[in-house]
Amino acid sequence: MSLLNVTSRRSFCAVVTSVILSTGASLSAQASDEVVFASWGGSFQDALRSSMLAPASKALGIKVKEDTTNGIQDVRAQITAGAVAWDVTEQDLPSCETLSREGSLEPIDYSIVDTTGIPKELIHKNYIGFINFTKVIAYQKDKFGDNGPKSWADFFDLEKFPGKRSMHGKVNYNLEAALMADGVPLRDVYKVLATDEGQKRAWSKLAKIAPHVTVWYRGGSQSAQLLRDGEVDMIHMGHNRVESVLGSGKDVSYTFDGGTMDIDCLLVPKGAPNKANAMKLINEILSAKAQARLAKTMPLGPVNAGAFDTGILSKAEAVKINTHPQNYGKQLLVDPNFYIGQLGELTEQFDTLIQQ
């Protein structure tokens, strides 16, 4: 559930070797004037650098070194090898919660990290929300005009909204969508999924739409291509990707109603060599201005609501962002606790369903 699709997976030894060589950091390389930050790389990390990391470096008077992560296994490898090279890393929400349960994280120092403007559900002892992103229902306006699917009930309604459909080819988000299509309110989705009967209800509803899904896409780039090229009439995909399609001149639309909102979070691995600077960096990049600058660069959701009061974002830009006050409450914030411990089993059941 990261912002970018990571397809490569390094071996244990390669992970440890890479992070040590690329950052030059090790347990013995602690420096009071630097901090090492790891994110997903590519254009996203370029945006982080210009909007957050470079300004933070200047404000703090410390050097921000960068590396890239492939996910939770990188953090585990460093800790297991006793060679923690990263001071702060961005990870997806399930990884943050899993590492926290494993005792692999340093506690966030909230005497340094200011949480003003950040929703309480994103503030945890060992990690904190960083960026919100949402998968929304998008559709072709040349097919539906202004009367396209506006809810999951609409998306699942084959008679009222005929056409080619596409959904994310992973179990995540789809069980939630099925329950919302079946009339379960946002606030009750995970209460229902916590029961055997609720899960059966979700699988039953999903089974009805599965044969009519033309493409189970695997990555954000593929979803954008499907919508841009008109290969599908409606799709559940990242709202930032929809905005990129709109920016290319295509006549599409989307709704935040029933959107599945996920977050990436910030954490400090156990044994980070520059822990004090890590807390300072986290505080800087969670500030209202830093969050607004990133949202100005990419239509991703600031976790700090103060970003909308900085004047950095115009009103037209702000209302397109998923965490804007008029959009936030329309979406379901994904609960990682549902998937931890049963993701493998759920994935196997899902893969069997969509391959039938």
Foldseek 3Di string as FASTA:
>chain_A
DAPFDQDDDDDLVCLLVVLCVQQVAWLVRFDQQEAEEEEADDPLVVLCVVLAVVVLCVVVVHYYHYDYDPALSSLVSCVVVNTDRHFKYKHFDLSQVVCVVVVFFDFQDCVLAPCAQFDPVQDDGFWGFFWKWWWWKKFACVQVPVPADAALLRVLDCPVHPWAEEEAQFLPPQLLSLVVNVPDDLVCSVVLLVDPVSSVSSVVSSLSCLVRHPYNDHTQVVVLVCRLVVVTGMYGHILLSVVVSVVVVGRMDTYLAAIEMTTIMMGGTPSHSNNVVSSSSNNRCLDLSSQLSSCVVTLIGRSRQCVVVPPSDDPVSLVSHCPRVVRVVNYRYDDSVSCPPCSVVSRVVSVVSNVD
